[in-house]
Protein backbone atom coordinates (compact mmCIF):
# COMPACT_ATOMS: atom_id res chain seq x y z
CA MET A 1 140.46 150.50 162.26
CA MET A 2 143.37 151.07 160.68
CA GLN A 3 142.72 152.59 156.89
CA ARG A 4 145.24 152.26 154.29
CA THR A 5 145.18 152.06 150.76
CA PHE A 6 146.78 148.78 148.96
CA SER A 7 148.46 150.30 145.55
CA SER A 8 150.20 148.33 142.86
CA SER A 9 153.68 149.45 144.53
CA SER A 10 153.18 148.33 147.94
CA SER A 11 154.01 144.66 148.52
CA ALA A 12 152.79 145.12 152.83
CA LEU A 13 150.68 143.13 154.29
CA SER A 14 146.99 144.64 154.92
CA SER A 15 146.13 145.70 158.41
CA SER A 16 143.48 143.25 157.93
CA GLU A 17 145.86 140.65 157.93
CA SER A 18 146.47 138.31 160.75
CA PRO A 19 150.09 137.12 161.98
CA GLU A 20 149.53 133.85 159.91
CA GLY A 21 148.88 135.80 156.80
CA GLU A 22 144.96 134.97 156.85
CA GLU A 23 142.61 137.80 156.31
CA GLU A 24 140.31 138.58 158.47
CA GLU A 25 136.63 138.09 157.28
CA TYR A 26 134.73 141.02 155.67
CA ASP A 27 131.05 141.87 156.21
CA LEU A 28 131.06 143.74 152.53
CA VAL A 29 133.13 144.16 149.78
CA VAL A 30 131.93 146.75 146.92
CA ILE A 31 133.48 145.77 143.62
CA GLY A 32 133.46 149.26 141.77
CA GLY A 33 133.66 152.91 143.25
CA GLY A 34 131.24 154.91 141.59
CA SER A 35 128.43 156.05 143.16
CA GLY A 36 126.08 153.18 143.95
CA GLY A 37 129.48 151.37 145.82
CA VAL A 38 130.61 154.17 147.59
CA ARG A 39 126.81 155.56 149.44
CA ALA A 40 126.76 151.31 149.71
CA SER A 41 130.72 150.93 151.79
CA ARG A 42 129.70 154.62 153.30
CA ILE A 43 126.98 153.89 154.77
CA SER A 44 127.80 150.14 155.70
CA ALA A 45 130.80 151.09 157.64
CA GLY A 46 128.82 153.83 159.48
CA TYR A 47 126.98 150.49 161.00
CA GLY A 48 129.78 149.37 162.11
CA LYS A 49 130.93 146.39 159.55
CA LYS A 50 134.02 145.75 158.06
CA VAL A 51 133.89 147.02 154.75
CA ALA A 52 136.37 147.22 151.48
CA ILE A 53 135.73 148.81 148.17
CA LEU A 54 137.85 148.39 145.13
CA GLU A 55 138.50 150.39 142.26
CA PRO A 56 141.35 149.51 139.58
CA GLN A 57 142.67 153.05 139.48
CA LEU A 58 141.97 156.03 142.42
CA GLN A 59 142.63 159.01 139.97
CA HIS A 60 140.77 159.69 136.80
CA GLY A 61 142.24 159.37 133.06
CA ALA A 62 143.07 156.38 130.92
CA PRO A 63 142.93 153.45 131.01
CA ASN A 64 140.09 152.95 132.96
CA TYR A 65 138.88 157.16 133.19
CA SER A 66 136.54 156.23 135.85
CA ALA A 67 138.09 156.05 139.29
CA LEU A 68 136.89 157.09 142.30
CA GLY A 69 133.77 158.59 142.20
CA GLY A 70 132.45 156.71 139.28
CA THR A 71 131.61 157.71 135.76
CA CYS A 72 129.45 160.51 136.92
CA VAL A 73 132.50 162.39 138.75
CA ASN A 74 135.37 161.46 136.16
CA VAL A 75 134.19 161.15 132.80
CA GLY A 76 130.01 162.00 133.04
CA CYS A 77 127.77 164.45 134.84
CA VAL A 78 130.42 166.39 136.72
CA PRO A 79 132.78 167.56 133.80
CA LYS A 80 130.00 167.15 130.91
CA LYS A 81 128.47 169.95 133.02
CA LEU A 82 131.24 171.86 133.03
CA MET A 83 131.19 171.78 129.52
CA VAL A 84 127.79 172.73 129.50
CA PHE A 85 128.41 175.80 131.46
CA ALA A 86 131.17 176.78 129.27
CA SER A 87 129.34 176.14 125.78
CA ARG A 88 126.30 178.52 127.06
CA TYR A 89 128.69 181.63 127.59
CA PRO A 90 128.33 182.38 123.45
CA ARG A 91 124.67 182.78 123.63
CA MET A 92 124.86 184.51 126.49
CA ILE A 93 127.01 187.26 125.46
CA ALA A 94 125.09 187.31 121.91
CA GLU A 95 122.05 188.77 123.82
CA THR A 96 124.09 191.45 125.70
CA SER A 97 123.72 193.95 123.13
CA GLY A 98 119.42 193.86 123.48
CA TYR A 99 120.25 194.94 127.03
CA GLY A 100 121.93 197.79 126.25
CA TRP A 101 125.58 196.54 125.72
CA GLU A 102 127.65 197.50 123.12
CA GLY A 103 131.06 195.81 122.04
CA ALA A 104 130.65 192.67 123.81
CA GLY A 105 131.92 189.63 122.07
CA PRO A 106 132.21 185.92 123.23
CA GLY A 107 136.37 186.05 122.31
CA GLN A 108 138.11 183.01 121.77
CA PHE A 109 137.82 179.64 123.61
CA LYS A 110 140.49 177.96 125.00
CA TRP A 111 140.27 174.00 124.77
CA GLU A 112 143.19 173.54 126.62
CA THR A 113 142.67 175.95 129.45
CA PHE A 114 139.75 174.57 130.31
CA MET A 115 140.59 170.67 130.21
CA GLU A 116 143.69 171.72 132.40
CA TYR A 117 141.05 173.49 134.82
CA LYS A 118 138.56 170.46 134.45
CA ASP A 119 141.54 167.99 135.25
CA GLU A 120 142.07 170.05 138.36
CA GLU A 121 138.77 169.87 139.80
CA ILE A 122 138.20 166.27 138.94
CA THR A 123 141.72 165.39 141.10
CA ARG A 124 140.28 167.62 143.84
CA LEU A 125 136.96 165.13 143.72
CA ASN A 126 139.10 161.74 143.78
CA ASN A 127 141.07 162.72 146.45
CA VAL A 128 137.81 164.27 148.36
CA TYR A 129 136.18 160.42 148.06
CA GLN A 130 139.17 159.06 148.77
CA ASN A 131 140.57 161.13 151.87
CA PHE A 132 136.91 162.30 153.28
CA VAL A 133 134.21 160.34 151.87
CA LEU A 134 135.43 156.99 152.28
CA LYS A 135 138.29 156.93 154.66
CA ASN A 136 136.38 159.08 157.09
CA ALA A 137 133.80 156.56 156.97
CA GLY A 138 136.04 153.22 157.98
CA VAL A 139 136.01 151.83 154.54
CA GLU A 140 138.76 150.43 153.17
CA ILE A 141 139.83 151.87 149.86
CA ILE A 142 142.17 148.54 147.76
CA GLU A 143 143.40 149.73 144.29
CA GLY A 144 142.88 146.48 142.23
CA PHE A 145 140.14 144.96 139.97
CA GLY A 146 137.57 142.64 141.85
CA VAL A 147 136.91 139.40 140.53
CA LEU A 148 134.77 137.04 142.43
CA ASN A 149 136.21 133.19 142.47
CA GLY A 150 133.05 131.84 143.99
CA THR A 151 130.05 133.09 146.37
CA ASN A 152 132.23 134.51 149.29
CA THR A 153 135.80 135.46 148.24
CA VAL A 154 136.95 137.86 145.87
CA LEU A 155 140.43 138.57 144.54
CA VAL A 156 142.31 141.35 144.14
CA LYS A 157 144.16 141.76 140.75
CA GLN A 158 146.73 144.58 139.86
CA GLY A 159 148.73 144.84 136.75
CA THR A 160 148.20 145.01 133.01
CA GLY A 161 146.91 148.18 130.88
CA ASP A 162 143.21 146.98 131.07
CA GLY A 163 142.70 147.67 134.59
CA GLY A 164 143.57 144.25 136.00
CA VAL A 165 141.20 142.32 134.49
CA GLU A 166 144.01 139.97 133.23
CA GLY A 167 146.45 140.83 136.03
CA LYS A 168 148.33 139.32 139.22
CA VAL A 169 146.37 138.43 142.03
CA VAL A 170 147.76 140.04 144.78
CA ARG A 171 145.01 139.64 147.66
CA THR A 172 142.38 137.40 148.12
CA LEU A 173 139.36 138.47 150.68
CA LYS A 174 136.86 136.74 152.70
CA THR A 175 133.82 138.43 152.47
CA LYS A 176 130.17 137.29 154.08
CA ASN A 177 128.08 139.62 151.10
CA THR A 178 129.69 141.19 147.84
CA VAL A 179 127.91 144.05 146.20
CA ILE A 180 128.70 144.19 142.17
CA ALA A 181 128.77 148.40 141.34
CA VAL A 182 131.13 148.24 138.29
CA GLY A 183 129.12 150.78 135.93
CA GLY A 184 129.18 150.54 132.51
CA TRP A 185 130.67 151.34 129.51
CA PRO A 186 130.01 153.00 125.96
CA ASN A 187 128.98 150.38 123.21
CA LEU A 188 130.23 150.50 119.91
CA PRO A 189 128.61 149.70 116.79
CA HIS A 190 130.71 146.73 114.57
CA ILE A 191 131.87 148.77 111.66
CA PRO A 192 134.79 149.22 109.87
CA GLY A 193 137.37 152.14 110.74
CA VAL A 194 135.49 152.06 114.83
CA GLU A 195 138.80 151.84 116.22
CA HIS A 196 139.13 155.77 115.27
CA VAL A 197 136.15 156.93 117.05
CA ILE A 198 136.21 158.32 120.58
CA THR A 199 133.28 158.04 123.31
CA SER A 200 132.35 160.06 126.31
CA ASN A 201 135.41 158.84 127.86
CA GLU A 202 137.78 160.16 125.44
CA ILE A 203 136.53 163.35 124.83
CA PHE A 204 137.62 164.57 127.98
CA TYR A 205 141.13 164.36 127.23
CA LEU A 206 141.30 165.38 124.00
CA LYS A 207 144.63 167.25 123.40
CA GLU A 208 142.67 169.46 121.01
CA GLN A 209 139.19 170.52 120.15
CA PRO A 210 137.96 169.24 116.61
CA LYS A 211 137.02 171.55 114.14
CA ARG A 212 134.33 169.53 112.97
CA ILE A 213 132.90 166.56 114.76
CA VAL A 214 130.13 163.91 114.13
CA ILE A 215 128.31 162.71 116.81
CA VAL A 216 126.19 159.43 116.48
CA GLY A 217 123.01 158.72 118.75
CA GLY A 218 120.24 159.97 119.96
CA GLY A 219 120.25 159.95 123.59
CA PHE A 220 120.89 162.62 126.10
CA ILE A 221 124.54 161.83 125.66
CA ALA A 222 124.77 162.55 121.98
CA LEU A 223 122.76 165.76 122.21
CA GLU A 224 124.41 167.14 125.07
CA PHE A 225 127.75 167.01 123.56
CA ALA A 226 126.10 168.20 120.43
CA GLN A 227 124.87 171.19 121.66
CA ILE A 228 128.24 171.15 124.15
CA MET A 229 130.45 171.57 120.90
CA ASP A 230 128.21 173.79 118.94
CA GLY A 231 128.41 176.16 121.60
CA LEU A 232 132.29 175.91 121.99
CA GLY A 233 132.92 176.62 118.43
CA SER A 234 133.11 173.45 116.93
CA GLU A 235 131.15 172.41 113.27
CA VAL A 236 129.21 169.54 114.52
CA THR A 237 126.87 167.00 112.40
CA LEU A 238 124.16 164.83 114.72
CA MET A 239 123.84 161.45 113.27
CA TYR A 240 120.68 159.31 114.62
CA ARG A 241 119.49 156.33 113.08
CA GLY A 242 115.63 157.16 113.69
CA ASP A 243 113.19 159.54 112.71
CA LEU A 244 113.52 161.47 116.07
CA PHE A 245 115.67 161.42 118.71
CA LEU A 246 114.84 161.11 123.03
CA ARG A 247 112.84 158.03 122.45
CA GLY A 248 111.34 157.37 125.56
CA PHE A 249 110.86 160.94 126.44
CA ASP A 250 107.29 162.70 125.77
CA GLN A 251 106.82 163.11 122.02
CA ASP A 252 106.31 167.10 122.67
CA PHE A 253 109.06 167.56 123.62
CA ARG A 254 111.21 165.51 121.70
CA GLU A 255 110.07 167.84 118.54
CA PHE A 256 109.84 171.06 120.64
CA LEU A 257 113.86 170.50 120.94
CA ARG A 258 114.59 169.85 117.71
CA ASP A 259 112.61 173.09 116.81
CA GLU A 260 114.91 174.73 119.24
CA MET A 261 118.23 172.83 117.92
CA LYS A 262 117.58 174.33 114.54
CA GLU A 263 116.54 177.49 115.64
CA ASN A 264 118.91 178.19 117.85
CA SER A 265 121.92 176.20 116.86
CA ASN A 266 124.36 175.38 114.01
CA ILE A 267 124.17 171.57 114.28
CA ASN A 268 123.32 169.58 111.47
CA LEU A 269 120.74 167.27 112.47
CA GLU A 270 120.54 163.89 109.93
CA PHE A 271 117.99 161.93 111.09
CA ASN A 272 117.22 158.39 109.47
CA THR A 273 120.87 158.29 109.08
CA ASN A 274 123.52 155.64 110.20
CA PRO A 275 127.34 155.57 109.38
CA ASN A 276 128.77 152.37 107.64
CA GLU A 277 132.02 153.14 107.90
CA ILE A 278 135.00 155.01 109.02
CA ILE A 279 137.80 156.25 107.05
CA LYS A 280 141.00 157.62 108.54
CA ASN A 281 142.36 159.79 106.19
CA ASP A 282 146.34 160.57 105.33
CA ASP A 283 145.83 163.72 107.00
CA GLY A 284 144.54 162.41 109.72
CA SER A 285 141.20 163.30 109.58
CA LEU A 286 138.11 161.13 109.20
CA THR A 287 135.35 160.66 106.67
CA VAL A 288 131.94 158.95 107.79
CA VAL A 289 130.43 157.00 105.35
CA THR A 290 126.96 156.53 106.01
CA GLU A 291 124.62 153.44 105.27
CA ASP A 292 123.07 155.91 102.25
CA GLY A 293 126.79 156.31 100.70
CA ASN A 294 127.08 159.87 102.28
CA LYS A 295 130.16 161.18 103.21
CA VAL A 296 130.69 163.57 105.85
CA GLU A 297 134.61 164.88 106.73
CA CYS A 298 135.36 165.69 109.90
CA ASP A 299 138.24 165.83 112.53
CA ALA A 300 136.56 163.68 115.38
CA VAL A 301 133.75 161.25 115.41
CA MET A 302 132.08 160.51 118.52
CA MET A 303 129.82 157.47 119.74
CA ALA A 304 127.08 157.86 121.68
CA THR A 305 125.42 154.84 121.06
CA GLY A 306 124.58 152.95 124.40
CA ARG A 307 126.07 151.74 127.30
CA ASN A 308 126.95 148.31 128.32
CA GLY A 309 127.37 146.76 132.16
CA LYS A 310 130.98 146.37 132.89
CA ILE A 311 131.09 142.71 133.57
CA ASP A 312 133.68 141.34 131.58
CA GLY A 313 136.20 139.17 133.75
CA ILE A 314 135.05 140.02 136.86
CA GLY A 315 133.87 135.86 137.53
CA LEU A 316 129.92 136.17 137.48
CA GLU A 317 130.10 132.39 136.36
CA SER A 318 131.90 131.23 139.43
CA ALA A 319 129.56 132.19 141.75
CA GLY A 320 126.54 131.56 139.80
CA VAL A 321 125.25 135.02 139.26
CA GLU A 322 122.67 135.36 136.18
CA THR A 323 123.13 137.60 133.59
CA LYS A 324 120.99 139.36 131.23
CA GLY A 325 123.06 140.22 128.18
CA SER A 326 125.50 142.83 129.82
CA PHE A 327 123.87 143.53 132.96
CA ILE A 328 123.25 141.97 136.18
CA PRO A 329 119.11 141.60 136.63
CA VAL A 330 118.38 141.60 140.81
CA SER A 331 115.37 142.37 142.72
CA GLU A 332 113.87 144.91 144.56
CA TYR A 333 116.25 144.76 147.15
CA SER A 334 119.28 144.86 144.42
CA LYS A 335 119.69 141.26 145.36
CA THR A 336 121.24 139.10 142.20
CA ASN A 337 119.91 135.41 142.31
CA VAL A 338 122.49 134.51 144.81
CA ASP A 339 121.73 134.80 148.52
CA ASN A 340 124.91 137.03 149.63
CA ILE A 341 125.69 138.98 146.15
CA TYR A 342 124.11 141.93 145.32
CA ALA A 343 124.33 145.05 142.67
CA VAL A 344 123.38 148.43 142.54
CA GLY A 345 123.98 150.99 139.75
CA ASP A 346 123.96 150.88 135.81
CA VAL A 347 125.06 147.43 136.05
CA THR A 348 121.68 146.74 136.81
CA ASN A 349 120.00 148.32 134.05
CA ARG A 350 117.22 149.83 136.04
CA ILE A 351 117.52 153.63 135.90
CA ALA A 352 121.09 154.79 134.97
CA LEU A 353 121.23 157.76 137.08
CA THR A 354 123.87 158.81 139.38
CA PRO A 355 121.21 159.78 142.17
CA VAL A 356 118.99 156.56 141.59
CA ALA A 357 122.63 154.17 141.75
CA LEU A 358 122.76 156.33 145.60
CA MET A 359 119.26 155.34 146.48
CA GLU A 360 120.17 152.11 145.47
CA GLY A 361 123.51 151.69 147.55
CA HIS A 362 122.21 153.39 150.63
CA SER A 363 118.67 151.48 150.45
CA LEU A 364 120.85 148.19 149.99
CA ALA A 365 123.31 149.06 153.39
CA ASP A 366 120.30 150.04 155.58
CA THR A 367 118.46 146.80 154.52
CA LEU A 368 121.35 144.37 155.60
CA PHE A 369 123.19 146.08 158.40
CA GLY A 370 120.38 149.09 159.64
CA GLY A 371 117.60 146.66 160.45
CA LYS A 372 115.56 148.67 158.00
CA ASP A 373 113.81 147.31 155.13
CA ARG A 374 114.15 149.14 152.35
CA PRO A 375 113.40 148.51 148.81
CA VAL A 376 114.22 150.41 146.35
CA ASP A 377 111.75 153.15 144.64
CA HIS A 378 112.08 153.92 141.18
CA GLU A 379 108.89 155.99 140.30
CA PHE A 380 108.60 159.36 139.52
CA VAL A 381 112.59 160.26 139.45
CA ALA A 382 113.03 163.30 138.48
CA SER A 383 115.96 163.82 135.58
CA THR A 384 117.32 166.47 132.84
CA VAL A 385 118.89 166.64 130.00
CA PHE A 386 121.10 169.64 129.70
CA THR A 387 120.87 170.66 126.40
CA THR A 388 120.01 174.30 125.74
CA PRO A 389 117.32 174.95 127.17
CA GLU A 390 117.35 171.96 129.54
CA LEU A 391 114.46 169.58 129.22
CA ALA A 392 113.60 168.19 132.99
CA THR A 393 110.69 165.72 133.40
CA ILE A 394 109.33 163.73 136.18
CA GLY A 395 106.44 160.91 136.39
CA TYR A 396 104.76 159.61 132.80
CA THR A 397 104.83 161.06 129.28
CA GLU A 398 101.55 161.88 128.34
CA GLU A 399 101.65 158.89 125.91
CA GLN A 400 102.14 156.62 129.23
CA ALA A 401 99.69 158.43 131.22
CA ALA A 402 97.39 158.06 128.45
CA GLU A 403 97.70 154.20 128.24
CA LYS A 404 98.07 153.77 132.09
CA PHE A 405 95.41 155.63 133.40
CA LYS A 406 93.35 156.04 130.46
CA ASP A 407 91.63 159.06 131.67
CA ILE A 408 94.27 162.65 131.79
CA SER A 409 93.89 166.04 131.52
CA VAL A 410 97.07 167.83 130.19
CA PHE A 411 98.04 171.44 130.76
CA LYS A 412 100.64 172.96 128.22
CA THR A 413 102.10 175.95 127.13
CA ARG A 414 104.91 177.31 125.18
CA PHE A 415 106.17 181.00 125.59
CA ARG A 416 108.85 183.00 125.10
CA PRO A 417 110.38 183.83 128.49
CA MET A 418 111.35 187.48 129.33
CA ALA A 419 115.12 186.73 129.51
CA HIS A 420 115.14 186.18 125.66
CA SER A 421 111.78 188.28 124.65
CA PHE A 422 113.40 191.34 125.43
CA PRO A 423 116.66 191.25 123.68
CA LYS A 424 114.50 189.41 120.76
CA SER A 425 116.02 186.15 120.64
CA GLU A 426 113.70 183.40 119.18
CA THR A 427 114.09 181.27 122.18
CA TYR A 428 111.29 179.13 123.55
CA SER A 429 110.05 177.36 126.69
CA MET A 430 107.37 174.68 127.19
CA PHE A 431 105.40 173.23 130.54
CA LYS A 432 103.33 170.53 130.73
CA ILE A 433 101.60 169.19 133.40
CA ILE A 434 99.60 165.56 133.36
CA VAL A 435 96.84 164.99 135.56
CA GLU A 436 94.92 161.61 136.16
CA THR A 437 91.40 162.69 135.95
CA LYS A 438 90.11 160.15 138.68
CA THR A 439 92.66 160.95 141.40
CA ASP A 440 93.48 164.79 140.57
CA LYS A 441 96.91 163.37 141.22
CA VAL A 442 99.71 164.97 139.17
CA VAL A 443 101.19 162.05 137.53
CA GLY A 444 103.67 163.87 134.86
CA VAL A 445 105.69 167.07 134.72
CA HIS A 446 107.73 168.28 131.65
CA ILE A 447 109.38 171.38 131.59
CA ALA A 448 111.89 172.68 128.94
CA THR A 449 113.57 176.10 129.49
CA ASP A 450 116.62 177.67 131.54
CA SER A 451 117.25 176.05 134.80
CA ALA A 452 114.66 173.47 134.12
CA GLY A 453 116.35 171.09 136.15
CA GLU A 454 116.86 173.53 138.99
CA ILE A 455 113.09 174.06 138.75
CA MET A 456 112.37 170.49 138.82
CA GLN A 457 114.22 169.35 141.84
CA GLY A 458 111.72 171.66 143.90
CA VAL A 459 108.68 170.28 141.60
CA ALA A 460 110.12 166.29 142.28
CA VAL A 461 109.13 166.66 146.21
CA ALA A 462 105.64 167.60 145.20
CA VAL A 463 105.17 164.82 142.84
CA LYS A 464 106.73 162.23 144.79
CA MET A 465 104.52 163.06 147.96
CA GLY A 466 101.40 162.92 145.75
CA ALA A 467 100.40 166.26 145.08
CA THR A 468 96.87 167.11 143.04
CA LYS A 469 96.19 169.40 140.61
CA ALA A 470 94.36 171.34 143.18
CA ASP A 471 97.67 171.60 145.45
CA PHE A 472 99.28 173.22 142.43
CA ASP A 473 96.57 175.72 141.59
CA ALA A 474 96.66 176.62 145.61
CA THR A 475 100.22 177.61 145.32
CA ILE A 476 101.07 181.16 144.94
CA GLY A 477 103.31 181.79 142.17
CA ILE A 478 106.98 183.95 142.08
CA HIS A 479 106.60 186.52 139.70
CA PRO A 480 108.29 187.26 137.42
CA THR A 481 109.43 184.08 136.63
CA SER A 482 109.09 181.04 133.99
CA ALA A 483 108.19 178.43 136.77
CA GLU A 484 105.19 180.47 137.90
CA GLU A 485 103.54 178.75 134.76
CA LEU A 486 103.20 175.64 136.91
CA VAL A 487 100.59 176.75 139.49
CA THR A 488 99.00 178.87 136.81
CA MET A 489 97.96 176.92 133.83
CA ARG A 490 94.25 176.45 135.19
CA SER A 491 92.30 175.15 132.18
CA PRO A 492 93.36 171.82 130.43
CA SER A 493 94.90 172.35 126.61
CA TYR A 494 92.76 168.75 126.51
CA GLU A 495 91.96 165.36 127.62
CA TYR A 496 92.29 161.93 127.28
CA LYS A 497 89.06 159.80 127.61
CA ASP A 498 89.57 155.99 127.83
CA GLY A 499 93.02 156.73 126.17
CA LYS A 500 91.76 158.57 123.50
CA LYS A 501 92.45 162.04 123.42
CA VAL A 502 89.67 164.68 123.24
CA GLU A 503 90.13 168.54 122.22
CA ALA A 504 88.96 170.73 125.11
């Protein structure tokens, strides 16, 4: 099948149209070119099915920011991780004198240079997705905004600056099955002056580095960017409405990361603080007025206050697709309440992680077209918060495990790793293993240390396979590493009996 991109500048008929102008029916139309959508379309095409994928723009940048590859590639995991790498160099260089290097300094960070290189890399990845991942798999790529028109029709809209939702219908696609994979969009609070803020979209396209930035939020996006901007030399204030950030993570590690940020960063942590108004001053600077009446002067305000499903204008009501808030509820097979319409990724509000969306898209394609029975599996999904140190986790927190299993053993250690103790840095690591007493199974592992994500990926395999604490104990450690703590903690720090903590 001939493949081509239908762009806004083209008026030619698609190769899928018949001489009479009627389009052939697709086996699958995917609305959204992010991680879940790309995987679902690629695997489905690999089964010999006729597949099209729609994305409002094929290259990153405004107005949609996300393009082929989704949030992760364009304004998420990938560019963020590059910024994380850049932000860590000053702390690394600061320790060099402890290793005998004299005269080393961090130099001067050039925001414009970094952003230029970042844009080149994201453009390269957009092209990889378009020209290799999708086209080589036989997926037809359509540049346009997908809108449902009943249960078996998808309209392709183009034009206007909003990605096409109010644009002109340029094609009508008939399809047996549809996947909604439109992802999410940053949530903004309803306060005066919110039009002056930026989000995790715009921060990747700022022309200049803010000298002073207020970041609002308590999730992993807020924490990661607070440490990124601090490491790059900005004055950072982190505001969070609650007592402690990273709600839902293990309590010990929430407190540990707070203490590390206080000790080893210049971030001004303001808990129980919420902005009430953003004022733009005559010189272009901003003033954040909190609910308590305090004022913070800054050059940029970044809102990291959650994400919503990006469902506006995609015609869900025309097909009778049920929603819950801005998200689409689905079954364990990613099916909506409509038999031939499915949804994967962040828009389903299950676990908003790129690898999870990949698994959901792959499982769906295998089930629909591969003759396999693959419900999604969201138990024991590893993840990492790319702060410094990183926080990696899999399975249950101590609080969750005590409630679910009642009888558990907790193995925990906190120490200064060799790389930091030698130059006398006050930088610590913490490891925790949670074991169900009855079965000896490891049901939770939490790590805060350098490269915690790299360590956790290997641990995740063991936990997913049902490894016991005895399996961990029987494993010979690699010395000298921080990770060997995972196989050398022999005695529990404390236990829970019938859900109540008992000191060992």
